[in-house]
Structure formats: C-alpha cells, structure tokens
Amino acid sequence: SGGRDDLVGIDCESRPLTCGVVTEASQRIDAVVFDVGGVLLDWNPEYLYRRLIADEGERRRFLTEVCSPEWNSAQDAGRSWADATSELSARFPEHTALIKAYDERWEEMVAGPIDDSVVVLKDLRGTGVPTYALTNFSAEKWAVAKNRWDFLDGFDGEVVSGVVGVTKPHPKIYQILLDRYRLEPPRTLYTDDLAKNVEAARYLGIAAELFVDASTLRRQLIDRGVLDS
C-alpha cells in the first residue's frame, strides 16, 4: 500500500477489495473494460461433462485431477490445445476420449451469453464509450468464441491472455492493456467476477469493480455517469 495514510489500519486479509490504490468514484470514466468468462459468457466445464460422466464424484475427480483448472490455465497462458491434450493423454491414457472432448467439444461448455450483461455492453457502445476485453482465454478458443458470438467482435480493443502469454492477476497483463490503448487507470472502469483480478487491477490504479450481476454493473456505470438511469 506504500504507507498511504488512507489505508492505515485496513485489514487486507478480511477486506481485500478495499485495499490497494484508491480511486475516486467521481473520476470521469473514459473506457470500460470487460472480463469475458463469468461476465459475458456462462462457461463451465460441468455443462459438457455432466453428459459425459454421470457419476458426480467421478466427474469431480476428473475435473480436479485430470482436466484440472491448472491444466486449463496453461492454455490460457498460451499452450496449444494439441500439446495440452497429447501430454495429458499420455499421462492418463484411460481418459483419452474425455480429455480430447475438452478441446473438441469446448463450445458445449458455454451455456451461452449472459444476456443481461450483453445488453449493458450494447448500451455502453450506443453511448460511444470505448469498450475493451481483458480476458484469460486460450487464443484458439477466443477465435472460436468470437466467431460464435458476434458481440465479442465489437470491442475497441482486446487483451487475451493466450495471445500475450500472461494471465490475470499478473500485473503485466493489465499494463499491456493500459499501454496498448493509452488508457488512464483512474478513468478506466474494469469489471471481473474474480476478486483477485479486481484487486490486482486496483493496485495499478484502475477503477475496478467486482462483477456481481448485470444490474449491479449497470448501477455502477450509472453512479459514475457512464450510463443514464
């Protein structure tokens, strides 16, 4: 916190989203940045694997010990799906078909757009406020997603972890966004459904807010004068 007087006494363990760099709510917002998974798209491997592995315990083991979040995150960081599936299938040959499904049937893990959030995005675009995407996403699957859901192709700019080779919450990916699009942190509103990603953005001075639901996001944008009530 750099010894800032206004942060003295704040317990960052119990109140992480109040810590870090403080930005003024009255600051004019010039750009709005969206996370994608959990904010604009409803993605969950369960949507596919409920159909492939009927037993809940077995399915949970597969998604925590075989196709784990850490394994998937390596694709978000730039590893190719071909390498990911071949390496994992060599370790778990009995699960080869299920492992390949994670890649080949990826779209079935997306229930669809989070419609109310997409409406907020479209309303923002209607005002002329620049919108950006900052997302942990495989480069290959990002291309698939943009082809499938055209609202993802309308951003003024995007930073995709699988393309740049670094994932949130590493500070570098936020700095890439700020530098590439010449954004001023306190005038940039960022929404993400993961608290650790919001906190990382706030430490860089970005006006970040935790995504709860679309109506809360709309209220945050109204409160900052970005959208009309």
Protein backbone atom coordinates (compact mmCIF):
# COMPACT_ATOMS: atom_id res chain seq x y z
CA SER A 1 0.00 0.00 0.00
CA GLY A 2 3.07 2.22 0.09
CA GLY A 3 2.21 3.58 3.54
CA ARG A 4 -0.75 5.62 2.30
CA ASP A 5 -2.48 7.33 5.21
CA ASP A 6 -5.93 6.44 3.94
CA LEU A 7 -5.08 2.73 4.01
CA VAL A 8 -3.62 2.60 7.51
CA GLY A 9 -5.43 0.10 9.67
CA ILE A 10 -7.23 -1.67 6.82
CA ASP A 11 -7.12 -5.42 7.18
CA CYS A 12 -6.31 -6.65 3.67
CA GLU A 13 -6.92 -10.27 4.61
CA SER A 14 -10.53 -9.75 5.59
CA ARG A 15 -11.32 -6.87 3.23
CA PRO A 16 -9.14 -7.43 0.15
CA LEU A 17 -11.27 -5.36 -2.21
CA THR A 18 -10.86 -2.25 -0.07
CA CYS A 19 -7.07 -2.40 -0.24
CA GLY A 20 -4.57 -1.17 -2.77
CA VAL A 21 -4.75 2.02 -4.77
CA VAL A 22 -7.88 4.01 -4.05
CA THR A 23 -9.62 5.74 -6.94
CA GLU A 24 -12.24 8.42 -6.64
CA ALA A 25 -15.76 7.36 -7.61
CA SER A 26 -16.26 10.86 -9.02
CA GLN A 27 -13.43 10.42 -11.54
CA ARG A 28 -14.65 10.65 -15.14
CA ILE A 29 -14.67 7.26 -16.88
CA ASP A 30 -13.35 7.25 -20.45
CA ALA A 31 -13.34 3.49 -21.12
CA VAL A 32 -14.98 0.33 -19.81
CA VAL A 33 -13.15 -3.00 -19.78
CA PHE A 34 -14.90 -6.36 -19.52
CA ASP A 35 -13.76 -9.73 -18.34
CA VAL A 36 -15.48 -12.36 -20.50
CA GLY A 37 -15.96 -15.70 -18.72
CA GLY A 38 -18.43 -15.24 -15.87
CA VAL A 39 -19.32 -11.73 -17.03
CA LEU A 40 -20.37 -12.00 -20.68
CA LEU A 41 -20.24 -15.76 -21.28
CA ASP A 42 -21.56 -18.50 -18.98
CA TRP A 43 -18.69 -21.02 -19.23
CA ASN A 44 -18.39 -24.09 -17.04
CA PRO A 45 -16.86 -27.50 -17.91
CA GLU A 46 -19.69 -29.09 -15.93
CA TYR A 47 -22.10 -28.24 -18.74
CA LEU A 48 -20.31 -30.71 -21.01
CA TYR A 49 -19.09 -33.30 -18.53
CA ARG A 50 -22.46 -33.83 -16.87
CA ARG A 51 -23.35 -35.51 -20.13
CA LEU A 52 -20.12 -37.47 -20.38
CA ILE A 53 -19.58 -38.60 -16.76
CA ALA A 54 -22.84 -39.41 -14.98
CA ASP A 55 -21.37 -40.09 -11.54
CA GLU A 56 -20.86 -36.79 -9.70
CA GLY A 57 -17.88 -37.96 -7.66
CA GLU A 58 -16.13 -39.39 -10.68
CA ARG A 59 -16.83 -36.22 -12.65
CA ARG A 60 -15.44 -34.04 -9.87
CA ARG A 61 -12.28 -36.13 -9.69
CA PHE A 62 -11.79 -35.89 -13.43
CA LEU A 63 -12.20 -32.09 -13.44
CA THR A 64 -9.88 -31.59 -10.46
CA GLU A 65 -7.22 -34.27 -11.05
CA VAL A 66 -7.14 -34.81 -14.82
CA CYS A 67 -8.53 -31.84 -16.79
CA SER A 68 -7.86 -29.58 -13.82
CA PRO A 69 -8.23 -25.79 -13.66
CA GLU A 70 -4.43 -25.56 -13.59
CA TRP A 71 -4.18 -27.64 -16.77
CA ASN A 72 -6.74 -25.43 -18.49
CA SER A 73 -4.96 -22.29 -17.29
CA ALA A 74 -1.83 -23.32 -19.20
CA GLN A 75 -3.85 -22.97 -22.42
CA ASP A 76 -4.98 -19.54 -21.20
CA ALA A 77 -1.27 -18.73 -20.87
CA GLY A 78 -0.51 -19.76 -24.43
CA ARG A 79 -0.05 -23.54 -24.57
CA SER A 80 -1.64 -25.08 -27.66
CA TRP A 81 -4.57 -27.43 -27.28
CA ALA A 82 -2.77 -30.06 -29.35
CA ASP A 83 0.13 -30.10 -26.89
CA ALA A 84 -2.20 -29.96 -23.89
CA THR A 85 -4.33 -32.92 -24.90
CA SER A 86 -1.45 -35.09 -26.14
CA GLU A 87 0.61 -34.57 -22.98
CA LEU A 88 -2.34 -35.25 -20.68
CA SER A 89 -3.49 -38.28 -22.67
CA ALA A 90 -0.01 -39.76 -22.31
CA ARG A 91 -0.36 -39.43 -18.53
CA PHE A 92 -3.94 -40.68 -18.40
CA PRO A 93 -4.41 -42.94 -21.44
CA GLU A 94 -7.59 -44.43 -19.99
CA HIS A 95 -9.17 -40.96 -20.20
CA THR A 96 -8.02 -40.03 -23.71
CA ALA A 97 -11.52 -39.64 -25.15
CA LEU A 98 -12.68 -37.49 -22.23
CA ILE A 99 -9.54 -35.34 -22.44
CA LYS A 100 -9.98 -34.74 -26.16
CA ALA A 101 -13.60 -33.74 -25.56
CA TYR A 102 -12.40 -30.76 -23.52
CA ASP A 103 -10.84 -29.40 -26.69
CA GLU A 104 -13.10 -30.74 -29.43
CA ARG A 105 -16.40 -30.03 -27.64
CA TRP A 106 -15.33 -26.81 -25.93
CA GLU A 107 -18.38 -24.87 -27.16
CA GLU A 108 -20.62 -27.23 -25.20
CA MET A 109 -19.07 -25.85 -22.01
CA VAL A 110 -20.64 -22.48 -22.77
CA ALA A 111 -24.31 -22.31 -21.82
CA GLY A 112 -24.47 -19.10 -23.82
CA PRO A 113 -24.11 -15.36 -23.37
CA ILE A 114 -25.08 -13.77 -20.05
CA ASP A 115 -27.82 -11.85 -21.80
CA ASP A 116 -28.33 -9.00 -19.30
CA SER A 117 -24.61 -8.25 -19.35
CA VAL A 118 -24.59 -8.21 -23.14
CA VAL A 119 -27.41 -5.64 -23.02
CA VAL A 120 -25.27 -3.44 -20.74
CA LEU A 121 -22.36 -3.81 -23.18
CA LYS A 122 -24.55 -2.85 -26.13
CA ASP A 123 -25.98 0.13 -24.23
CA LEU A 124 -22.44 1.32 -23.50
CA ARG A 125 -21.48 1.01 -27.14
CA GLY A 126 -24.54 3.07 -28.01
CA THR A 127 -23.17 5.95 -25.94
CA GLY A 128 -19.87 5.91 -27.80
CA VAL A 129 -17.84 4.97 -24.72
CA PRO A 130 -14.95 2.74 -25.85
CA THR A 131 -15.21 -0.85 -24.63
CA TYR A 132 -12.40 -3.37 -24.26
CA ALA A 133 -11.96 -7.03 -23.35
CA LEU A 134 -9.35 -8.22 -20.85
CA THR A 135 -9.70 -11.96 -20.54
CA ASN A 136 -7.98 -15.17 -19.53
CA PHE A 137 -8.75 -17.18 -22.64
CA SER A 138 -6.98 -19.61 -24.93
CA ALA A 139 -6.07 -17.88 -28.19
CA GLU A 140 -7.60 -20.77 -30.14
CA LYS A 141 -10.86 -20.76 -28.21
CA TRP A 142 -11.08 -16.96 -28.33
CA ALA A 143 -11.22 -17.21 -32.11
CA VAL A 144 -13.97 -19.82 -31.79
CA ALA A 145 -15.92 -17.66 -29.33
CA LYS A 146 -15.69 -14.51 -31.49
CA ASN A 147 -16.93 -16.46 -34.48
CA ARG A 148 -19.84 -17.88 -32.49
CA TRP A 149 -20.92 -14.75 -30.55
CA ASP A 150 -20.58 -11.63 -32.65
CA PHE A 151 -20.83 -9.18 -29.74
CA LEU A 152 -17.32 -10.33 -28.75
CA ASP A 153 -16.02 -9.00 -32.07
CA GLY A 154 -17.14 -5.42 -31.45
CA PHE A 155 -14.65 -4.27 -28.82
CA ASP A 156 -12.47 -1.24 -29.45
CA GLY A 157 -9.57 -3.40 -28.33
CA GLU A 158 -8.76 -6.65 -26.57
CA VAL A 159 -6.03 -8.24 -24.50
CA VAL A 160 -6.31 -12.03 -24.46
CA SER A 161 -4.02 -13.96 -22.14
CA GLY A 162 -3.39 -16.80 -24.58
CA VAL A 163 -2.19 -14.30 -27.17
CA VAL A 164 0.08 -12.23 -24.91
CA GLY A 165 1.32 -15.19 -22.85
CA VAL A 166 0.43 -13.92 -19.38
CA THR A 167 -2.72 -14.41 -17.31
CA LYS A 168 -4.59 -12.36 -14.75
CA PRO A 169 -3.93 -11.47 -11.99
CA HIS A 170 -0.32 -10.86 -13.06
CA PRO A 171 0.21 -7.07 -13.23
CA LYS A 172 1.85 -7.36 -16.65
CA ILE A 173 -1.40 -8.16 -18.47
CA TYR A 174 -3.11 -5.07 -17.06
CA GLN A 175 -0.14 -2.95 -18.04
CA ILE A 176 -0.31 -4.33 -21.58
CA LEU A 177 -3.94 -3.16 -21.75
CA LEU A 178 -3.14 0.31 -20.41
CA ASP A 179 -0.11 0.81 -22.65
CA ARG A 180 -1.57 -0.64 -25.84
CA TYR A 181 -4.70 1.51 -25.74
CA ARG A 182 -3.25 4.50 -23.87
CA LEU A 183 -5.79 4.22 -21.08
CA GLU A 184 -5.55 6.27 -17.89
CA PRO A 185 -6.06 3.87 -14.95
CA PRO A 186 -8.42 6.02 -12.83
CA ARG A 187 -10.53 6.78 -15.90
CA THR A 188 -10.81 3.11 -16.86
CA LEU A 189 -13.59 1.05 -15.29
CA TYR A 190 -12.93 -2.69 -15.22
CA THR A 191 -15.40 -5.42 -14.23
CA ASP A 192 -14.39 -9.01 -13.34
CA ASP A 193 -16.15 -11.77 -11.42
CA LEU A 194 -12.99 -12.83 -9.54
CA ALA A 195 -11.94 -10.75 -6.55
CA LYS A 196 -8.22 -11.44 -7.05
CA ASN A 197 -8.38 -9.98 -10.56
CA VAL A 198 -10.23 -6.89 -9.34
CA GLU A 199 -7.70 -6.39 -6.56
CA ALA A 200 -4.77 -6.67 -8.99
CA ALA A 201 -6.36 -4.04 -11.24
CA ARG A 202 -6.95 -1.71 -8.30
CA TYR A 203 -3.30 -1.89 -7.27
CA LEU A 204 -2.47 -0.42 -10.66
CA GLY A 205 -4.94 2.39 -10.06
CA ILE A 206 -7.67 1.05 -12.34
CA ALA A 207 -11.23 1.80 -11.25
CA ALA A 208 -12.13 -1.88 -10.95
CA GLU A 209 -15.39 -3.31 -9.62
CA LEU A 210 -16.31 -6.88 -8.74
CA PHE A 211 -18.94 -8.24 -11.12
CA VAL A 212 -21.93 -9.48 -9.15
CA ASP A 213 -24.63 -9.35 -11.79
CA ALA A 214 -25.66 -7.18 -14.71
CA SER A 215 -27.99 -4.96 -12.71
CA THR A 216 -25.20 -4.17 -10.24
CA LEU A 217 -22.85 -3.38 -13.11
CA ARG A 218 -25.45 -1.10 -14.65
CA ARG A 219 -25.84 0.74 -11.33
CA GLN A 220 -22.05 1.14 -11.05
CA LEU A 221 -21.96 2.66 -14.54
CA ILE A 222 -24.88 4.97 -13.75
CA ASP A 223 -23.26 6.06 -10.48
CA ARG A 224 -20.11 7.02 -12.39
CA GLY A 225 -22.06 8.91 -15.04
CA VAL A 226 -21.25 6.49 -17.85
CA LEU A 227 -24.85 5.39 -18.44
CA ASP A 228 -28.11 7.25 -17.91
CA SER A 229 -30.52 5.85 -15.37
